[in-house]
Protein backbone atom coordinates (compact mmCIF):
# COMPACT_ATOMS: atom_id res chain seq x y z
CA UNK A 1 4.12 -6.68 -22.16
CA UNK A 2 2.64 -3.46 -22.95
CA UNK A 3 -1.03 -4.98 -22.65
CA UNK A 4 -0.20 -6.52 -19.21
CA UNK A 5 0.31 -2.99 -17.88
CA UNK A 6 -2.55 -1.57 -19.86
CA UNK A 7 -4.85 -4.29 -18.08
CA UNK A 8 -3.67 -3.17 -14.63
CA UNK A 9 -4.06 0.25 -15.19
CA UNK A 10 -7.72 -0.45 -16.22
CA UNK A 11 -8.17 -2.54 -13.14
CA UNK A 12 -6.57 0.45 -11.09
CA UNK A 13 -9.14 2.95 -12.55
CA UNK A 14 -12.04 0.69 -11.94
CA UNK A 15 -11.25 -0.11 -8.44
CA UNK A 16 -10.40 3.98 -7.82
CA UNK A 17 -13.66 5.01 -9.11
CA UNK A 18 -15.22 3.01 -6.42
CA UNK A 19 -13.18 3.62 -3.16
CA UNK A 20 -11.43 6.73 -1.86
CA UNK A 21 -9.93 7.67 1.38
CA UNK A 22 -11.36 10.37 4.10
CA UNK A 23 -9.98 12.02 7.09
CA UNK A 24 -11.35 9.30 9.23
CA UNK A 25 -10.51 6.43 7.10
CA UNK A 26 -7.92 7.23 4.29
CA UNK A 27 -6.54 5.01 1.61
CA UNK A 28 -3.62 2.69 1.87
CA UNK A 29 -2.28 2.70 -1.88
CA UNK A 30 0.06 0.04 -2.89
CA UNK A 31 2.58 0.29 -5.83
CA UNK A 32 5.09 -2.29 -6.65
CA UNK A 33 7.85 -2.38 -9.31
CA UNK A 34 10.19 -5.44 -10.22
CA UNK A 35 12.72 -4.39 -7.35
CA UNK A 36 10.72 -2.64 -4.96
CA UNK A 37 7.65 -1.93 -3.18
CA UNK A 38 5.86 1.50 -2.09
CA UNK A 39 2.98 2.25 0.15
CA UNK A 40 1.10 5.50 1.24
CA UNK A 41 -1.58 6.59 3.20
CA UNK A 42 -3.85 9.44 1.48
CA UNK A 43 -6.50 11.54 2.37
CA UNK A 44 -8.49 11.98 -1.09
CA UNK A 45 -10.64 14.67 0.61
CA UNK A 46 -7.76 16.94 1.01
CA UNK A 47 -5.30 15.39 -1.73
CA UNK A 48 -2.64 14.75 1.14
CA UNK A 49 -0.29 11.94 1.71
CA UNK A 50 -0.46 11.46 5.21
CA UNK A 51 2.47 8.63 5.50
CA UNK A 52 4.76 7.05 2.95
CA UNK A 53 7.47 4.49 3.08
CA UNK A 54 9.15 1.83 0.59
CA UNK A 55 12.02 -0.59 0.71
CA UNK A 56 14.28 1.91 -1.33
CA UNK A 57 16.75 2.51 1.71
CA UNK A 58 16.84 -1.35 2.65
CA UNK A 59 19.97 -3.60 1.87
CA UNK A 60 19.66 -5.69 -1.48
CA UNK A 61 20.28 -8.89 0.59
CA UNK A 62 16.83 -8.95 1.94
CA UNK A 63 14.34 -11.12 0.00
CA UNK A 64 11.61 -8.88 -1.82
CA UNK A 65 8.83 -10.84 0.38
CA UNK A 66 10.38 -10.19 3.56
CA UNK A 67 11.07 -6.56 2.43
CA UNK A 68 7.42 -6.07 1.46
CA UNK A 69 6.54 -7.19 5.19
CA UNK A 70 8.69 -4.52 6.54
CA UNK A 71 7.34 -2.21 4.65
CA UNK A 72 3.72 -3.00 5.99
CA UNK A 73 4.87 -3.09 9.48
CA UNK A 74 6.71 0.53 9.03
CA UNK A 75 3.12 1.90 7.65
CA UNK A 76 1.50 0.44 10.35
CA UNK A 77 3.87 1.96 12.85
CA UNK A 78 3.53 5.38 11.09
CA UNK A 79 -0.47 5.39 11.13
CA UNK A 80 -0.17 4.09 14.68
CA UNK A 81 1.62 7.52 15.33
CA UNK A 82 -1.06 9.42 13.16
CA UNK A 83 -3.93 7.59 15.17
CA UNK A 84 -5.09 5.79 12.28
CA UNK A 85 -6.58 2.66 13.01
CA UNK A 86 -8.94 1.77 9.88
CA UNK A 87 -7.94 2.28 6.37
CA UNK A 88 -9.25 1.65 2.90
CA UNK A 89 -6.92 -0.84 0.90
CA UNK A 90 -6.13 -0.09 -2.72
CA UNK A 91 -4.06 -2.80 -4.23
CA UNK A 92 -3.30 -0.48 -7.35
CA UNK A 93 -4.56 -3.14 -9.62
CA UNK A 94 -2.13 -5.65 -8.61
CA UNK A 95 -3.18 -9.39 -7.76
CA UNK A 96 -3.79 -9.68 -4.12
CA UNK A 97 -0.87 -12.36 -3.78
CA UNK A 98 2.87 -12.39 -3.33
CA UNK A 99 4.35 -8.97 -2.18
CA UNK A 100 1.04 -7.12 -1.93
CA UNK A 101 -0.67 -9.60 0.38
CA UNK A 102 2.65 -9.81 2.77
CA UNK A 103 2.34 -6.10 2.90
CA UNK A 104 -1.31 -5.96 3.71
CA UNK A 105 -0.83 -8.99 6.39
CA UNK A 106 1.95 -7.25 8.14
CA UNK A 107 0.05 -3.82 8.42
CA UNK A 108 -2.85 -5.71 9.74
CA UNK A 109 -0.60 -7.19 12.29
CA UNK A 110 0.64 -3.64 12.89
CA UNK A 111 -2.62 -2.72 14.07
CA UNK A 112 -4.39 -1.52 11.01
CA UNK A 113 -8.14 -2.54 10.46
CA UNK A 114 -9.46 -2.84 6.78
């Protein structure tokens, strides 16, 4: 199990060496645990988090995939309020499938382009 996490962190470092967020085009960073999913919009030039949300406050009766979609919609709404339209997507070393994909597609529907 430890090797799996090391591989994810290696993928994450490789991706992060190539992408970074700016004030005009911040980075949407994703982290998913076994139970929850988190999303942040980050300006890497100043090192500040512009918006963040997660499914921690949600009810436990909602399926994880639906919960990820709600987090994506919420991130999109917060970005729209900050007048952010373009972002760089950082999947954090996770495969683009399941909850990560659901969050990304919901953010796109909410008006974010990446």
